[in-house]
Amino acid sequence: MDYNKIEEIGNELDFVSNSFQTIGNNLLLTVHEIEVLDLYHIPYQNCKSLKEILFYIEDTICDMDIVDEELDVVSKSIAERDYYQNTNK
């Protein structure tokens, strides 16, 4: 077994981007989602719900000529989390 290769692969793994951060009003966003929202100046810090963040994302997407795939992925991720957190089961 090549331990150098295992160490190299381990060093390439990104554990930070997908870790959750609590933002205002106890909402959880990943570090990556926060980076993308910051890039598009989406005011997630003042939002009271994930649905409100989604509203700002959709508003931003509607104003764009070409939809950025990264913003679309973040939107879907937040929408899925909102669904599972706020849907009565």
Protein backbone atom coordinates (compact mmCIF):
# COMPACT_ATOMS: atom_id res chain seq x y z
CA MET A 1 0.00 0.00 0.00
CA ASP A 2 1.33 3.41 -0.97
CA TYR A 3 0.88 5.61 2.11
CA ASN A 4 2.20 8.67 0.27
CA LYS A 5 -0.66 8.36 -2.23
CA ILE A 6 -3.21 8.04 0.60
CA GLU A 7 -1.79 11.12 2.31
CA GLU A 8 -1.85 13.03 -0.99
CA ILE A 9 -5.51 12.14 -1.55
CA GLY A 10 -6.34 13.07 2.04
CA ASN A 11 -4.74 16.47 1.61
CA GLU A 12 -6.88 17.11 -1.48
CA LEU A 13 -10.18 16.54 0.33
CA ASP A 14 -12.09 19.69 1.17
CA PHE A 15 -13.85 19.39 4.51
CA VAL A 16 -14.42 23.12 4.95
CA SER A 17 -16.61 24.05 1.95
CA ASN A 18 -19.45 21.76 2.98
CA SER A 19 -19.36 22.57 6.68
CA PHE A 20 -22.33 24.46 8.00
CA GLN A 21 -22.20 27.95 9.46
CA THR A 22 -25.00 29.46 11.49
CA ILE A 23 -25.99 32.86 10.18
CA GLY A 24 -28.54 35.35 11.56
CA ASN A 25 -31.86 33.91 12.71
CA ASN A 26 -30.28 30.45 13.22
CA LEU A 27 -30.20 29.59 9.52
CA LEU A 28 -27.61 27.10 8.33
CA LEU A 29 -25.62 27.64 5.15
CA THR A 30 -22.47 25.90 3.99
CA VAL A 31 -19.25 27.85 3.61
CA HIS A 32 -19.49 27.33 -0.15
CA GLU A 33 -23.07 28.63 -0.29
CA ILE A 34 -22.03 31.72 1.67
CA GLU A 35 -19.15 32.34 -0.76
CA VAL A 36 -21.48 32.16 -3.78
CA LEU A 37 -24.13 34.35 -2.12
CA ASP A 38 -21.46 36.91 -1.27
CA LEU A 39 -20.23 36.85 -4.87
CA TYR A 40 -23.70 37.90 -6.06
CA HIS A 41 -24.28 40.33 -3.18
CA ILE A 42 -27.30 38.39 -1.95
CA PRO A 43 -28.18 39.74 1.54
CA TYR A 44 -28.56 36.41 3.32
CA GLN A 45 -27.40 37.87 6.66
CA ASN A 46 -30.70 39.71 7.14
CA CYS A 47 -33.00 36.91 5.98
CA LYS A 48 -35.38 35.28 8.42
CA SER A 49 -35.85 32.05 6.48
CA LEU A 50 -34.30 29.92 3.76
CA LYS A 51 -37.30 30.79 1.59
CA GLU A 52 -36.36 34.45 1.84
CA ILE A 53 -32.82 33.64 0.69
CA LEU A 54 -34.30 31.67 -2.21
CA PHE A 55 -36.41 34.70 -3.14
CA TYR A 56 -33.27 36.86 -3.41
CA ILE A 57 -31.49 34.16 -5.44
CA GLU A 58 -34.41 33.85 -7.86
CA ASP A 59 -34.59 37.63 -8.17
CA THR A 60 -30.87 37.71 -8.99
CA ILE A 61 -31.22 34.87 -11.51
CA CYS A 62 -34.10 36.70 -13.26
CA ASP A 63 -31.85 39.75 -13.69
CA MET A 64 -29.02 37.73 -15.26
CA ASP A 65 -28.55 37.21 -18.99
CA ILE A 66 -26.85 33.86 -18.44
CA VAL A 67 -27.57 31.85 -15.29
CA ASP A 68 -24.43 30.89 -13.43
CA GLU A 69 -24.44 27.15 -12.81
CA GLU A 70 -22.90 27.61 -9.36
CA LEU A 71 -25.72 29.92 -8.24
CA ASP A 72 -28.27 27.46 -9.60
CA VAL A 73 -26.66 24.59 -7.63
CA VAL A 74 -26.70 26.69 -4.44
CA SER A 75 -30.36 27.53 -5.02
CA LYS A 76 -31.27 23.86 -5.40
CA SER A 77 -29.27 22.89 -2.33
CA ILE A 78 -30.94 25.53 -0.14
CA ALA A 79 -34.39 24.65 -1.54
CA GLU A 80 -33.87 20.97 -0.72
CA ARG A 81 -32.70 21.78 2.81
CA ASP A 82 -35.68 24.08 3.31
CA TYR A 83 -38.04 21.36 2.14
CA TYR A 84 -36.67 18.73 4.52
CA GLN A 85 -36.48 21.12 7.49
CA ASN A 86 -39.89 22.68 7.09
CA THR A 87 -42.14 19.99 5.66
CA ASN A 88 -44.39 18.15 8.09
CA LYS A 89 -43.72 14.46 7.90
